[in-house]
C-alpha atoms as a PDB file:
ATOM      1  CA  MET A   1       0.075   0.077  -0.010  1.00  0.00           C
ATOM      2  CA  GLN A   2       2.663   2.431   0.925  1.00  0.00           C
ATOM      3  CA  ASP A   3       4.725   1.826  -2.309  1.00  0.00           C
ATOM      4  CA  GLU A   4       1.623   2.293  -4.498  1.00  0.00           C
ATOM      5  CA  PHE A   5       0.732   5.665  -2.614  1.00  0.00           C
ATOM      6  CA  LEU A   6       4.105   7.035  -2.970  1.00  0.00           C
ATOM      7  CA  LYS A   7       4.635   5.996  -6.591  1.00  0.00           C
ATOM      8  CA  GLU A   8       1.474   7.884  -7.415  1.00  0.00           C
ATOM      9  CA  LEU A   9       2.648  10.979  -5.673  1.00  0.00           C
ATOM     10  CA  VAL A  10       5.994  10.783  -7.450  1.00  0.00           C
ATOM     11  CA  GLN A  11       4.402  10.212 -10.784  1.00  0.00           C
ATOM     12  CA  SER A  12       1.703  12.965 -10.542  1.00  0.00           C
ATOM     13  CA  GLN A  13       4.327  15.355  -9.036  1.00  0.00           C
ATOM     14  CA  ALA A  14       1.701  16.352  -6.431  1.00  0.00           C
ATOM     15  CA  ASN A  15       2.462  18.841  -3.765  1.00  0.00           C
ATOM     16  CA  VAL A  16       2.203  17.237  -0.458  1.00  0.00           C
ATOM     17  CA  TYR A  17       2.087  18.188   3.355  1.00  0.00           C
ATOM     18  CA  CYS A  18       4.577  15.720   5.282  1.00  0.00           C
ATOM     19  CA  PHE A  19       3.862  15.850   8.972  1.00  0.00           C
ATOM     20  CA  LEU A  20       6.632  14.636  11.194  1.00  0.00           C
ATOM     21  CA  SER A  21       6.195  12.740  14.382  1.00  0.00           C
ATOM     22  CA  ASN A  22       7.576  15.680  16.235  1.00  0.00           C
ATOM     23  CA  GLY A  23       4.832  17.925  14.808  1.00  0.00           C
ATOM     24  CA  ILE A  24       6.840  19.776  12.111  1.00  0.00           C
ATOM     25  CA  LYS A  25       5.107  20.206   8.793  1.00  0.00           C
ATOM     26  CA  LEU A  26       6.958  20.038   5.676  1.00  0.00           C
ATOM     27  CA  GLU A  27       5.608  21.140   2.173  1.00  0.00           C
ATOM     28  CA  GLY A  28       6.833  19.945  -1.282  1.00  0.00           C
ATOM     29  CA  GLN A  29       6.914  17.152  -3.854  1.00  0.00           C
ATOM     30  CA  ILE A  30       8.382  13.660  -3.330  1.00  0.00           C
ATOM     31  CA  THR A  31      10.791  13.271  -5.986  1.00  0.00           C
ATOM     32  CA  THR A  32      11.933   9.821  -5.035  1.00  0.00           C
ATOM     33  CA  TYR A  33      12.019   7.131  -2.213  1.00  0.00           C
ATOM     34  CA  ASP A  34      13.384   3.917  -0.960  1.00  0.00           C
ATOM     35  CA  GLN A  35      12.795   1.500   1.807  1.00  0.00           C
ATOM     36  CA  PHE A  36      13.905   3.923   4.602  1.00  0.00           C
ATOM     37  CA  SER A  37      13.654   7.455   3.172  1.00  0.00           C
ATOM     38  CA  LEU A  38      12.185   9.871   0.748  1.00  0.00           C
ATOM     39  CA  MET A  39      13.337  13.032  -1.008  1.00  0.00           C
ATOM     40  CA  LEU A  40      11.335  16.054  -0.590  1.00  0.00           C
ATOM     41  CA  THR A  41      11.748  19.107  -2.997  1.00  0.00           C
ATOM     42  CA  SER A  42      10.469  22.322  -1.609  1.00  0.00           C
ATOM     43  CA  SER A  43       7.531  23.910  -3.341  1.00  0.00           C
ATOM     44  CA  ARG A  44       8.407  27.401  -2.177  1.00  0.00           C
ATOM     45  CA  GLY A  45      11.095  29.801  -3.030  1.00  0.00           C
ATOM     46  CA  PRO A  46      14.425  28.415  -4.535  1.00  0.00           C
ATOM     47  CA  ALA A  47      14.373  24.676  -5.022  1.00  0.00           C
ATOM     48  CA  SER A  48      15.747  22.807  -1.945  1.00  0.00           C
ATOM     49  CA  TYR A  49      15.937  19.194  -1.086  1.00  0.00           C
ATOM     50  CA  GLN A  50      15.315  17.364   2.056  1.00  0.00           C
ATOM     51  CA  LEU A  51      16.064  13.838   2.744  1.00  0.00           C
ATOM     52  CA  VAL A  52      13.281  12.590   5.221  1.00  0.00           C
ATOM     53  CA  MET A  53      13.570   9.332   7.132  1.00  0.00           C
ATOM     54  CA  LYS A  54      10.389   7.330   6.902  1.00  0.00           C
ATOM     55  CA  ASN A  55      10.385   6.562  10.716  1.00  0.00           C
ATOM     56  CA  ALA A  56      10.149  10.405  11.330  1.00  0.00           C
ATOM     57  CA  ILE A  57       6.997  10.593   9.235  1.00  0.00           C
ATOM     58  CA  SER A  58       3.665  10.587  10.951  1.00  0.00           C
ATOM     59  CA  THR A  59       1.364  11.535   8.003  1.00  0.00           C
ATOM     60  CA  ILE A  60       1.589  12.347   4.230  1.00  0.00           C
ATOM     61  CA  VAL A  61      -1.400  14.351   2.819  1.00  0.00           C
ATOM     62  CA  PRO A  62      -1.662  15.528  -0.795  1.00  0.00           C
ATOM     63  CA  GLN A  63      -2.460  19.131  -1.199  1.00  0.00           C
ATOM     64  CA  ARG A  64      -5.758  19.859  -3.205  1.00  0.00           C
ATOM     65  CA  GLU A  65      -5.580  22.353  -6.088  1.00  0.00           C
ATOM     66  CA  GLY A  66      -7.104  25.675  -5.063  1.00  0.00           C
ATOM     67  CA  ALA A  67      -7.941  24.599  -1.542  1.00  0.00           C
ATOM     68  CA  ALA A  68      -6.473  26.192   1.560  1.00  0.00           C
ATOM     69  CA  PRO A  69      -4.901  23.828   4.077  1.00  0.00           C
ATOM     70  CA  HIS A  70      -7.078  22.937   6.879  1.00  0.00           C
ATOM     71  CA  LYS A  71      -6.045  23.687  10.514  1.00  0.00           C
ATOM     72  CA  THR A  72      -5.829  20.713  12.791  1.00  0.00           C
ATOM     73  CA  PHE A  73      -6.124  20.889  16.534  1.00  0.00           C
END
């Protein structure tokens, strides 16, 4: 299930919110992934890359076109 989900996000070049288990929210596109990590490219400002370890990720949410992000409490 995880591989299918990530593969679709990479192929569609979808912008995502990546919530880490410590509460930090990252934004960008997943450009590649492997068994233990994924590469997140920033969707804001100049291109920057972040290697994110999967064990640090809580949730990945695709951003919807034209929709404002929902606040969570």
